[in-house]
């Protein structure tokens, strides 16, 4: 999950989009949980606000939250610890 910039020497910069390199089913499945995390989780909300204020691109910030959630899922899976250990 990453954001690629649509960039060209001769044309005006386009809107950044999610690259199509990753699994489309995973991207689709992570969209709604990321929206909920941005709304109700203080850490993800702060990350979203910080990135939107820096870049002004909401989708780029949403993809960052999706990636952060995926990293957390992977860490929980590998360490076999409950989710509550990661909440601050």
PDB file of N, CA and C in Angstrom:
ATOM      1  N   UNK A   1       0.846  -1.172   0.000  1.00  0.00           N
ATOM      2  CA  UNK A   1       0.000   0.000   0.000  1.00  0.00           C
ATOM      3  C   UNK A   1       0.886   1.227   0.000  1.00  0.00           C
ATOM      4  N   UNK A   2       0.851   1.937  -1.084  1.00  0.00           N
ATOM      5  CA  UNK A   2       1.618   3.167  -1.166  1.00  0.00           C
ATOM      6  C   UNK A   2       0.905   4.132  -2.096  1.00  0.00           C
ATOM      7  N   UNK A   3       1.344   5.366  -2.059  1.00  0.00           N
ATOM      8  CA  UNK A   3       0.775   6.407  -2.895  1.00  0.00           C
ATOM      9  C   UNK A   3       1.801   6.750  -3.951  1.00  0.00           C
ATOM     10  N   UNK A   4       1.392   6.775  -5.198  1.00  0.00           N
ATOM     11  CA  UNK A   4       2.318   7.207  -6.239  1.00  0.00           C
ATOM     12  C   UNK A   4       1.848   8.560  -6.758  1.00  0.00           C
ATOM     13  N   UNK A   5       2.804   9.380  -7.112  1.00  0.00           N
ATOM     14  CA  UNK A   5       2.479  10.693  -7.636  1.00  0.00           C
ATOM     15  C   UNK A   5       2.398  10.624  -9.152  1.00  0.00           C
ATOM     16  N   UNK A   6       1.371  11.233  -9.690  1.00  0.00           N
ATOM     17  CA  UNK A   6       1.232  11.318 -11.132  1.00  0.00           C
ATOM     18  C   UNK A   6       2.036  12.543 -11.542  1.00  0.00           C
ATOM     19  N   UNK A   7       3.184  12.316 -12.132  1.00  0.00           N
ATOM     20  CA  UNK A   7       4.116  13.399 -12.401  1.00  0.00           C
ATOM     21  C   UNK A   7       4.613  13.301 -13.837  1.00  0.00           C
ATOM     22  N   UNK A   8       4.721  14.429 -14.505  1.00  0.00           N
ATOM     23  CA  UNK A   8       5.226  14.453 -15.861  1.00  0.00           C
ATOM     24  C   UNK A   8       5.956  15.769 -16.078  1.00  0.00           C
ATOM     25  N   UNK A   9       6.895  15.774 -17.000  1.00  0.00           N
ATOM     26  CA  UNK A   9       7.636  17.003 -17.271  1.00  0.00           C
ATOM     27  C   UNK A   9       6.813  18.017 -18.043  1.00  0.00           C
ATOM     28  N   UNK A  10       5.900  17.540 -18.871  1.00  0.00           N
ATOM     29  CA  UNK A  10       5.199  18.458 -19.760  1.00  0.00           C
ATOM     30  C   UNK A  10       3.803  18.831 -19.286  1.00  0.00           C
ATOM     31  N   UNK A  11       3.219  18.041 -18.427  1.00  0.00           N
ATOM     32  CA  UNK A  11       1.839  18.328 -18.036  1.00  0.00           C
ATOM     33  C   UNK A  11       1.766  18.815 -16.594  1.00  0.00           C
ATOM     34  N   UNK A  12       0.599  19.274 -16.231  1.00  0.00           N
ATOM     35  CA  UNK A  12       0.348  19.735 -14.872  1.00  0.00           C
ATOM     36  C   UNK A  12       0.250  18.523 -13.965  1.00  0.00           C
ATOM     37  N   UNK A  13       0.703  18.650 -12.745  1.00  0.00           N
ATOM     38  CA  UNK A  13       0.648  17.533 -11.809  1.00  0.00           C
ATOM     39  C   UNK A  13      -0.796  17.082 -11.612  1.00  0.00           C
ATOM     40  N   UNK A  14      -0.981  15.781 -11.603  1.00  0.00           N
ATOM     41  CA  UNK A  14      -2.301  15.220 -11.390  1.00  0.00           C
ATOM     42  C   UNK A  14      -2.529  14.885  -9.933  1.00  0.00           C
ATOM     43  N   UNK A  15      -3.705  14.399  -9.660  1.00  0.00           N
ATOM     44  CA  UNK A  15      -4.061  13.999  -8.301  1.00  0.00           C
ATOM     45  C   UNK A  15      -3.316  12.721  -7.932  1.00  0.00           C
ATOM     46  N   UNK A  16      -2.688  12.664  -6.738  1.00  0.00           N
ATOM     47  CA  UNK A  16      -2.017  11.427  -6.331  1.00  0.00           C
ATOM     48  C   UNK A  16      -3.036  10.302  -6.170  1.00  0.00           C
ATOM     49  N   UNK A  17      -2.636   9.126  -6.548  1.00  0.00           N
ATOM     50  CA  UNK A  17      -3.524   7.974  -6.482  1.00  0.00           C
ATOM     51  C   UNK A  17      -2.815   6.822  -5.790  1.00  0.00           C
ATOM     52  N   UNK A  18      -3.599   5.858  -5.329  1.00  0.00           N
ATOM     53  CA  UNK A  18      -3.024   4.648  -4.748  1.00  0.00           C
ATOM     54  C   UNK A  18      -2.448   3.836  -5.888  1.00  0.00           C
ATOM     55  N   UNK A  19      -1.215   3.359  -5.729  1.00  0.00           N
ATOM     56  CA  UNK A  19      -0.617   2.550  -6.787  1.00  0.00           C
ATOM     57  C   UNK A  19      -1.349   1.213  -6.871  1.00  0.00           C
ATOM     58  N   UNK A  20      -1.293   0.612  -8.018  1.00  0.00           N
ATOM     59  CA  UNK A  20      -1.993  -0.653  -8.252  1.00  0.00           C
ATOM     60  C   UNK A  20      -1.079  -1.857  -8.045  1.00  0.00           C
ATOM     61  N   UNK A  21       0.090  -1.652  -7.428  1.00  0.00           N
ATOM     62  CA  UNK A  21       1.036  -2.737  -7.223  1.00  0.00           C
ATOM     63  C   UNK A  21       0.543  -3.751  -6.201  1.00  0.00           C
ATOM     64  N   UNK A  22      -0.131  -3.307  -5.184  1.00  0.00           N
ATOM     65  CA  UNK A  22      -0.547  -4.179  -4.097  1.00  0.00           C
ATOM     66  C   UNK A  22      -1.799  -4.974  -4.419  1.00  0.00           C
ATOM     67  N   UNK A  23      -2.266  -5.702  -3.436  1.00  0.00           N
ATOM     68  CA  UNK A  23      -3.447  -6.537  -3.559  1.00  0.00           C
ATOM     69  C   UNK A  23      -4.692  -5.653  -3.509  1.00  0.00           C
ATOM     70  N   UNK A  24      -5.491  -5.680  -4.555  1.00  0.00           N
ATOM     71  CA  UNK A  24      -6.670  -4.805  -4.609  1.00  0.00           C
ATOM     72  C   UNK A  24      -7.722  -5.191  -3.574  1.00  0.00           C
ATOM     73  N   UNK A  25      -7.797  -6.478  -3.247  1.00  0.00           N
ATOM     74  CA  UNK A  25      -8.763  -6.922  -2.246  1.00  0.00           C
ATOM     75  C   UNK A  25      -8.358  -6.411  -0.855  1.00  0.00           C
ATOM     76  N   UNK A  26      -7.067  -6.383  -0.601  1.00  0.00           N
ATOM     77  CA  UNK A  26      -6.572  -5.857   0.673  1.00  0.00           C
ATOM     78  C   UNK A  26      -6.833  -4.361   0.781  1.00  0.00           C
ATOM     79  N   UNK A  27      -6.570  -3.630  -0.285  1.00  0.00           N
ATOM     80  CA  UNK A  27      -6.845  -2.182  -0.288  1.00  0.00           C
ATOM     81  C   UNK A  27      -8.329  -1.915  -0.046  1.00  0.00           C
ATOM     82  N   UNK A  28      -9.163  -2.689  -0.701  1.00  0.00           N
ATOM     83  CA  UNK A  28     -10.610  -2.522  -0.563  1.00  0.00           C
ATOM     84  C   UNK A  28     -11.063  -2.865   0.854  1.00  0.00           C
ATOM     85  N   UNK A  29     -10.475  -3.913   1.438  1.00  0.00           N
ATOM     86  CA  UNK A  29     -10.863  -4.345   2.780  1.00  0.00           C
ATOM     87  C   UNK A  29     -10.381  -3.376   3.858  1.00  0.00           C
ATOM     88  N   UNK A  30      -9.302  -2.665   3.611  1.00  0.00           N
ATOM     89  CA  UNK A  30      -8.733  -1.773   4.627  1.00  0.00           C
ATOM     90  C   UNK A  30      -9.318  -0.367   4.597  1.00  0.00           C
ATOM     91  N   UNK A  31     -10.115  -0.047   3.607  1.00  0.00           N
ATOM     92  CA  UNK A  31     -10.622   1.317   3.476  1.00  0.00           C
ATOM     93  C   UNK A  31     -11.553   1.715   4.633  1.00  0.00           C
ATOM     94  N   UNK A  32     -12.580   0.938   4.873  1.00  0.00           N
ATOM     95  CA  UNK A  32     -13.537   1.287   5.926  1.00  0.00           C
ATOM     96  C   UNK A  32     -12.937   1.214   7.330  1.00  0.00           C
ATOM     97  N   UNK A  33     -12.119   0.194   7.656  1.00  0.00           N
ATOM     98  CA  UNK A  33     -11.486   0.210   8.983  1.00  0.00           C
ATOM     99  C   UNK A  33     -10.596   1.432   9.191  1.00  0.00           C
ATOM    100  N   UNK A  34      -9.950   1.894   8.130  1.00  0.00           N
ATOM    101  CA  UNK A  34      -9.113   3.093   8.265  1.00  0.00           C
ATOM    102  C   UNK A  34      -9.972   4.325   8.525  1.00  0.00           C
ATOM    103  N   UNK A  35     -11.106   4.408   7.869  1.00  0.00           N
ATOM    104  CA  UNK A  35     -12.005   5.547   8.109  1.00  0.00           C
ATOM    105  C   UNK A  35     -12.501   5.548   9.553  1.00  0.00           C
ATOM    106  N   UNK A  36     -12.840   4.386  10.070  1.00  0.00           N
ATOM    107  CA  UNK A  36     -13.276   4.295  11.466  1.00  0.00           C
ATOM    108  C   UNK A  36     -12.139   4.618  12.423  1.00  0.00           C
ATOM    109  N   UNK A  37     -10.939   4.159  12.099  1.00  0.00           N
ATOM    110  CA  UNK A  37      -9.787   4.440  12.957  1.00  0.00           C
ATOM    111  C   UNK A  37      -9.472   5.926  12.971  1.00  0.00           C
ATOM    112  N   UNK A  38      -9.605   6.573  11.823  1.00  0.00           N
ATOM    113  CA  UNK A  38      -9.352   8.026  11.768  1.00  0.00           C
ATOM    114  C   UNK A  38     -10.390   8.791  12.576  1.00  0.00           C
ATOM    115  N   UNK A  39     -11.554   8.227  12.707  1.00  0.00           N
ATOM    116  CA  UNK A  39     -12.624   8.918  13.420  1.00  0.00           C
ATOM    117  C   UNK A  39     -12.589   8.682  14.928  1.00  0.00           C
ATOM    118  N   UNK A  40     -12.261   7.451  15.356  1.00  0.00           N
ATOM    119  CA  UNK A  40     -12.411   7.101  16.763  1.00  0.00           C
ATOM    120  C   UNK A  40     -11.103   6.848  17.515  1.00  0.00           C
ATOM    121  N   UNK A  41     -10.016   6.533  16.831  1.00  0.00           N
ATOM    122  CA  UNK A  41      -8.746   6.258  17.481  1.00  0.00           C
ATOM    123  C   UNK A  41      -7.915   7.545  17.497  1.00  0.00           C
ATOM    124  N   UNK A  42      -7.508   7.978  18.673  1.00  0.00           N
ATOM    125  CA  UNK A  42      -6.813   9.264  18.801  1.00  0.00           C
ATOM    126  C   UNK A  42      -5.466   9.270  18.083  1.00  0.00           C
ATOM    127  N   UNK A  43      -4.720   8.170  18.128  1.00  0.00           N
ATOM    128  CA  UNK A  43      -3.415   8.116  17.458  1.00  0.00           C
ATOM    129  C   UNK A  43      -3.571   8.227  15.943  1.00  0.00           C
ATOM    130  N   UNK A  44      -4.522   7.496  15.398  1.00  0.00           N
ATOM    131  CA  UNK A  44      -4.746   7.548  13.953  1.00  0.00           C
ATOM    132  C   UNK A  44      -5.339   8.882  13.526  1.00  0.00           C
ATOM    133  N   UNK A  45      -6.174   9.452  14.371  1.00  0.00           N
ATOM    134  CA  UNK A  45      -6.741  10.768  14.075  1.00  0.00           C
ATOM    135  C   UNK A  45      -5.630  11.823  14.022  1.00  0.00           C
ATOM    136  N   UNK A  46      -4.703  11.750  14.965  1.00  0.00           N
ATOM    137  CA  UNK A  46      -3.594  12.706  14.990  1.00  0.00           C
ATOM    138  C   UNK A  46      -2.696  12.530  13.767  1.00  0.00           C
ATOM    139  N   UNK A  47      -2.444  11.283  13.377  1.00  0.00           N
ATOM    140  CA  UNK A  47      -1.647  11.017  12.188  1.00  0.00           C
ATOM    141  C   UNK A  47      -2.325  11.590  10.951  1.00  0.00           C
ATOM    142  N   UNK A  48      -3.621  11.365  10.825  1.00  0.00           N
ATOM    143  CA  UNK A  48      -4.376  11.862   9.670  1.00  0.00           C
ATOM    144  C   UNK A  48      -4.337  13.386   9.608  1.00  0.00           C
ATOM    145  N   UNK A  49      -4.592  14.046  10.725  1.00  0.00           N
ATOM    146  CA  UNK A  49      -4.606  15.515  10.749  1.00  0.00           C
ATOM    147  C   UNK A  49      -3.221  16.068  10.422  1.00  0.00           C
ATOM    148  N   UNK A  50      -2.181  15.433  10.972  1.00  0.00           N
ATOM    149  CA  UNK A  50      -0.815  15.899  10.720  1.00  0.00           C
ATOM    150  C   UNK A  50      -0.461  15.789   9.245  1.00  0.00           C
ATOM    151  N   UNK A  51      -0.810  14.660   8.620  1.00  0.00           N
ATOM    152  CA  UNK A  51      -0.472  14.470   7.219  1.00  0.00           C
ATOM    153  C   UNK A  51      -1.302  15.352   6.293  1.00  0.00           C
ATOM    154  N   UNK A  52      -2.568  15.554   6.622  1.00  0.00           N
ATOM    155  CA  UNK A  52      -3.399  16.428   5.792  1.00  0.00           C
ATOM    156  C   UNK A  52      -2.918  17.873   5.905  1.00  0.00           C
ATOM    157  N   UNK A  53      -2.512  18.283   7.094  1.00  0.00           N
ATOM    158  CA  UNK A  53      -2.028  19.660   7.238  1.00  0.00           C
ATOM    159  C   UNK A  53      -0.694  19.851   6.518  1.00  0.00           C
ATOM    160  N   UNK A  54       0.097  18.790   6.417  1.00  0.00           N
ATOM    161  CA  UNK A  54       1.391  18.898   5.739  1.00  0.00           C
ATOM    162  C   UNK A  54       1.235  18.879   4.222  1.00  0.00           C
ATOM    163  N   UNK A  55       0.435  17.928   3.701  1.00  0.00           N
ATOM    164  CA  UNK A  55       0.326  17.742   2.254  1.00  0.00           C
ATOM    165  C   UNK A  55      -0.968  18.287   1.668  1.00  0.00           C
ATOM    166  N   UNK A  56      -2.026  18.295   2.465  1.00  0.00           N
ATOM    167  CA  UNK A  56      -3.315  18.741   1.959  1.00  0.00           C
ATOM    168  C   UNK A  56      -4.047  17.686   1.148  1.00  0.00           C
ATOM    169  N   UNK A  57      -3.563  16.446   1.159  1.00  0.00           N
ATOM    170  CA  UNK A  57      -4.166  15.375   0.359  1.00  0.00           C
ATOM    171  C   UNK A  57      -4.744  14.341   1.320  1.00  0.00           C
ATOM    172  N   UNK A  58      -6.060  14.280   1.384  1.00  0.00           N
ATOM    173  CA  UNK A  58      -6.721  13.399   2.344  1.00  0.00           C
ATOM    174  C   UNK A  58      -6.526  11.926   2.019  1.00  0.00           C
ATOM    175  N   UNK A  59      -6.539  11.563   0.737  1.00  0.00           N
ATOM    176  CA  UNK A  59      -6.385  10.152   0.364  1.00  0.00           C
ATOM    177  C   UNK A  59      -4.997   9.641   0.722  1.00  0.00           C
ATOM    178  N   UNK A  60      -3.997  10.473   0.574  1.00  0.00           N
ATOM    179  CA  UNK A  60      -2.638  10.078   0.932  1.00  0.00           C
ATOM    180  C   UNK A  60      -2.549   9.798   2.427  1.00  0.00           C
ATOM    181  N   UNK A  61      -3.205  10.624   3.229  1.00  0.00           N
ATOM    182  CA  UNK A  61      -3.226  10.421   4.676  1.00  0.00           C
ATOM    183  C   UNK A  61      -4.027   9.166   5.029  1.00  0.00           C
ATOM    184  N   UNK A  62      -5.114   8.909   4.319  1.00  0.00           N
ATOM    185  CA  UNK A  62      -5.920   7.715   4.584  1.00  0.00           C
ATOM    186  C   UNK A  62      -5.133   6.443   4.274  1.00  0.00           C
ATOM    187  N   UNK A  63      -4.342   6.452   3.212  1.00  0.00           N
ATOM    188  CA  UNK A  63      -3.512   5.296   2.876  1.00  0.00           C
ATOM    189  C   UNK A  63      -2.452   5.087   3.952  1.00  0.00           C
ATOM    190  N   UNK A  64      -1.928   6.167   4.507  1.00  0.00           N
ATOM    191  CA  UNK A  64      -0.942   6.045   5.589  1.00  0.00           C
ATOM    192  C   UNK A  64      -1.568   5.388   6.815  1.00  0.00           C
ATOM    193  N   UNK A  65      -2.802   5.742   7.128  1.00  0.00           N
ATOM    194  CA  UNK A  65      -3.500   5.119   8.256  1.00  0.00           C
ATOM    195  C   UNK A  65      -3.752   3.642   7.960  1.00  0.00           C
ATOM    196  N   UNK A  66      -4.129   3.320   6.729  1.00  0.00           N
ATOM    197  CA  UNK A  66      -4.333   1.924   6.354  1.00  0.00           C
ATOM    198  C   UNK A  66      -3.051   1.121   6.542  1.00  0.00           C
ATOM    199  N   UNK A  67      -1.949   1.694   6.114  1.00  0.00           N
ATOM    200  CA  UNK A  67      -0.668   1.001   6.248  1.00  0.00           C
ATOM    201  C   UNK A  67      -0.292   0.814   7.714  1.00  0.00           C
ATOM    202  N   UNK A  68      -0.556   1.824   8.541  1.00  0.00           N
ATOM    203  CA  UNK A  68      -0.253   1.725   9.964  1.00  0.00           C
ATOM    204  C   UNK A  68      -1.082   0.616  10.617  1.00  0.00           C
ATOM    205  N   UNK A  69      -2.342   0.498  10.234  1.00  0.00           N
ATOM    206  CA  UNK A  69      -3.198  -0.556  10.767  1.00  0.00           C
ATOM    207  C   UNK A  69      -2.684  -1.931  10.333  1.00  0.00           C
ATOM    208  N   UNK A  70      -2.275  -2.050   9.077  1.00  0.00           N
ATOM    209  CA  UNK A  70      -1.734  -3.323   8.593  1.00  0.00           C
ATOM    210  C   UNK A  70      -0.456  -3.706   9.336  1.00  0.00           C
ATOM    211  N   UNK A  71       0.403  -2.731   9.609  1.00  0.00           N
ATOM    212  CA  UNK A  71       1.622  -3.010  10.371  1.00  0.00           C
ATOM    213  C   UNK A  71       1.280  -3.484  11.777  1.00  0.00           C
ATOM    214  N   UNK A  72       0.281  -2.869  12.399  1.00  0.00           N
ATOM    215  CA  UNK A  72      -0.144  -3.272  13.730  1.00  0.00           C
ATOM    216  C   UNK A  72      -0.704  -4.696  13.718  1.00  0.00           C
ATOM    217  N   UNK A  73      -1.490  -5.023  12.706  1.00  0.00           N
ATOM    218  CA  UNK A  73      -2.029  -6.379  12.575  1.00  0.00           C
ATOM    219  C   UNK A  73      -0.898  -7.387  12.447  1.00  0.00           C
ATOM    220  N   UNK A  74       0.109  -7.055  11.647  1.00  0.00           N
ATOM    221  CA  UNK A  74       1.237  -7.964  11.454  1.00  0.00           C
ATOM    222  C   UNK A  74       2.016  -8.162  12.757  1.00  0.00           C
ATOM    223  N   UNK A  75       2.244  -7.080  13.500  1.00  0.00           N
ATOM    224  CA  UNK A  75       2.978  -7.180  14.768  1.00  0.00           C
ATOM    225  C   UNK A  75       2.205  -8.029  15.767  1.00  0.00           C
ATOM    226  N   UNK A  76       0.900  -7.824  15.851  1.00  0.00           N
ATOM    227  CA  UNK A  76       0.070  -8.611  16.770  1.00  0.00           C
ATOM    228  C   UNK A  76       0.111 -10.095  16.377  1.00  0.00           C
ATOM    229  N   UNK A  77       0.068 -10.367  15.090  1.00  0.00           N
ATOM    230  CA  UNK A  77       0.121 -11.752  14.610  1.00  0.00           C
ATOM    231  C   UNK A  77       1.458 -12.404  14.941  1.00  0.00           C
ATOM    232  N   UNK A  78       2.559 -11.691  14.713  1.00  0.00           N
ATOM    233  CA  UNK A  78       3.881 -12.268  14.923  1.00  0.00           C
ATOM    234  C   UNK A  78       4.239 -12.425  16.402  1.00  0.00           C
ATOM    235  N   UNK A  79       3.842 -11.462  17.245  1.00  0.00           N
ATOM    236  CA  UNK A  79       4.218 -11.528  18.656  1.00  0.00           C
ATOM    237  C   UNK A  79       3.222 -12.295  19.496  1.00  0.00           C
ATOM    238  N   UNK A  80       2.030 -12.524  18.967  1.00  0.00           N
ATOM    239  CA  UNK A  80       0.985 -13.271  19.664  1.00  0.00           C
ATOM    240  C   UNK A  80       0.570 -12.604  20.974  1.00  0.00           C
ATOM    241  N   UNK A  81       0.633 -11.257  20.996  1.00  0.00           N
ATOM    242  CA  UNK A  81       0.183 -10.498  22.160  1.00  0.00           C
ATOM    243  C   UNK A  81      -1.199  -9.938  21.877  1.00  0.00           C
ATOM    244  N   UNK A  82      -1.999  -9.701  22.914  1.00  0.00           N
ATOM    245  CA  UNK A  82      -3.331  -9.108  22.683  1.00  0.00           C
ATOM    246  C   UNK A  82      -3.216  -7.652  22.256  1.00  0.00           C
ATOM    247  N   UNK A  83      -4.245  -7.190  21.587  1.00  0.00           N
ATOM    248  CA  UNK A  83      -4.279  -5.820  21.074  1.00  0.00           C
ATOM    249  C   UNK A  83      -4.167  -4.790  22.191  1.00  0.00           C
ATOM    250  N   UNK A  84      -4.706  -5.067  23.360  1.00  0.00           N
ATOM    251  CA  UNK A  84      -4.706  -4.108  24.459  1.00  0.00           C
ATOM    252  C   UNK A  84      -3.308  -3.710  24.901  1.00  0.00           C
ATOM    253  N   UNK A  85      -2.297  -4.555  24.634  1.00  0.00           N
ATOM    254  CA  UNK A  85      -0.925  -4.210  24.993  1.00  0.00           C
ATOM    255  C   UNK A  85      -0.384  -3.057  24.152  1.00  0.00           C
ATOM    256  N   UNK A  86      -0.991  -2.793  22.991  1.00  0.00           N
ATOM    257  CA  UNK A  86      -0.485  -1.768  22.086  1.00  0.00           C
ATOM    258  C   UNK A  86      -1.226  -0.442  22.207  1.00  0.00           C
ATOM    259  N   UNK A  87      -2.266  -0.407  23.002  1.00  0.00           N
ATOM    260  CA  UNK A  87      -3.022   0.831  23.209  1.00  0.00           C
ATOM    261  C   UNK A  87      -2.329   1.646  24.303  1.00  0.00           C
ATOM    262  N   UNK A  88      -2.101   2.913  24.015  1.00  0.00           N
ATOM    263  CA  UNK A  88      -1.431   3.769  25.000  1.00  0.00           C
ATOM    264  C   UNK A  88      -2.426   4.608  25.746  1.00  0.00           C
TER     265      UNK A  88
END
